[in-house]
Protein backbone atom coordinates (compact mmCIF):
# COMPACT_ATOMS: atom_id res chain seq x y z
CA MET A 1 15.92 -10.17 27.48
CA ARG A 2 14.31 -6.89 26.45
CA ASN A 3 15.97 -7.07 23.02
CA ALA A 4 14.71 -10.63 22.54
CA VAL A 5 11.15 -9.49 23.27
CA LEU A 6 11.46 -6.60 20.82
CA VAL A 7 12.90 -8.81 18.10
CA SER A 8 10.16 -11.41 18.65
CA ALA A 9 7.45 -8.73 18.48
CA PHE A 10 8.97 -7.34 15.28
CA LEU A 11 9.09 -10.76 13.63
CA VAL A 12 5.50 -11.51 14.56
CA CYS A 13 4.30 -8.15 13.22
CA ALA A 14 6.36 -8.45 10.05
CA GLY A 15 3.90 -11.10 8.89
CA CYS A 16 0.85 -8.95 9.67
CA ALA A 17 0.48 -7.36 6.25
CA ALA A 18 -2.78 -8.19 4.52
CA THR A 19 -2.60 -10.09 1.25
CA PRO A 20 -4.27 -8.27 -1.65
CA SER A 21 -7.10 -9.88 -3.60
CA LYS A 22 -6.38 -11.38 -7.03
CA GLU A 23 -7.82 -8.25 -8.71
CA ALA A 24 -5.83 -5.84 -6.54
CA ALA A 25 -2.61 -7.79 -7.11
CA GLN A 26 -3.00 -7.14 -10.85
CA VAL A 27 -2.91 -3.34 -10.38
CA ARG A 28 0.66 -2.35 -11.27
CA ASP A 29 2.95 0.38 -10.00
CA ALA A 30 4.01 2.94 -12.59
CA ASP A 31 5.54 6.37 -12.98
CA GLU A 32 4.01 9.40 -14.72
CA LYS A 33 5.81 8.63 -17.99
CA ALA A 34 4.40 5.09 -18.14
CA VAL A 35 0.80 6.33 -17.76
CA ALA A 36 1.06 9.38 -20.03
CA SER A 37 -1.34 7.89 -22.58
CA CYS A 38 -3.64 6.26 -20.01
CA GLN A 39 -6.97 7.46 -18.63
CA TYR A 40 -6.71 9.10 -15.20
CA LEU A 41 -9.47 7.78 -12.92
CA GLN A 42 -9.02 9.30 -9.45
CA ASP A 43 -6.82 9.48 -6.36
CA PHE A 44 -7.09 6.97 -3.52
CA ASP A 45 -5.93 6.98 0.10
CA GLY A 46 -5.18 3.99 2.30
CA ASN A 47 -4.45 3.81 6.02
CA SER A 48 -3.28 1.26 8.55
CA GLY A 49 -3.15 1.20 12.32
CA TRP A 50 0.15 -0.68 12.20
CA GLY A 51 3.10 1.51 13.00
CA GLY A 52 6.20 1.80 15.12
CA LEU A 53 8.13 -1.48 14.90
CA ALA A 54 5.49 -2.80 12.48
CA GLN A 55 5.55 0.20 10.15
CA GLY A 56 6.65 -2.00 7.24
CA ALA A 57 3.49 -4.09 7.59
CA GLY A 58 1.52 -0.88 8.06
CA MET A 59 2.81 0.62 4.82
CA ASP A 60 2.05 -2.65 2.99
CA ASN A 61 -1.50 -2.63 4.40
CA ALA A 62 -2.02 1.01 3.39
CA ARG A 63 -0.78 0.27 -0.15
CA ASN A 64 -3.02 -2.80 -0.33
CA GLU A 65 -6.04 -0.72 0.68
CA VAL A 66 -5.30 1.67 -2.20
CA ARG A 67 -4.89 -1.27 -4.60
CA GLU A 68 -8.24 -2.77 -3.51
CA LYS A 69 -10.06 0.54 -4.05
CA ALA A 70 -8.39 1.09 -7.42
CA ALA A 71 -9.16 -2.45 -8.61
CA LYS A 72 -12.86 -1.95 -7.83
CA ILE A 73 -13.12 0.84 -10.43
CA GLY A 74 -11.04 -0.95 -13.07
CA ALA A 75 -7.68 0.74 -12.56
CA THR A 76 -4.68 -1.01 -14.05
CA HIS A 77 -1.87 1.21 -12.76
CA LEU A 78 -1.00 3.35 -9.74
CA VAL A 79 1.41 6.25 -9.45
CA TRP A 80 2.29 6.62 -5.77
CA ILE A 81 2.16 10.15 -4.43
CA ASN A 82 2.93 9.37 -0.80
CA VAL A 83 3.67 6.32 1.32
CA HIS A 84 4.42 7.14 4.94
CA GLY A 85 5.18 4.84 7.87
CA GLY A 86 5.67 6.08 11.42
CA TYR A 87 2.96 5.40 13.99
CA SER A 88 0.04 5.41 11.54
CA ALA A 89 0.93 4.32 8.02
CA ASN A 90 -0.81 5.91 5.06
CA ALA A 91 -0.51 5.85 1.27
CA THR A 92 -1.90 7.95 -1.59
CA ALA A 93 -1.82 7.21 -5.31
CA HIS A 94 -3.22 8.38 -8.65
CA ALA A 95 -5.15 5.55 -10.33
CA TYR A 96 -5.11 5.04 -14.11
CA LYS A 97 -6.66 2.71 -16.65
CA CYS A 98 -4.29 1.77 -19.46
């Protein structure tokens, strides 16, 4: 019974990740080599209260927060520095305009 409750809670929380806006969805992931000739804009942090069994959704939410911030200043690409789950998910990325 306990396992069924945990599995149910996990499945419910797995769908809790926020969907990025159209603009944020257009910001692409990249590596340092891909953005070598691009203009560096700034670093962004994102956080989420989702963690534990829902850390996947939490990491998605933290990444989406970074994408939203980057899209607002015209960034086209992100190079992820850190994405961490656990009990309080967070993400950090360099934003570039290519």
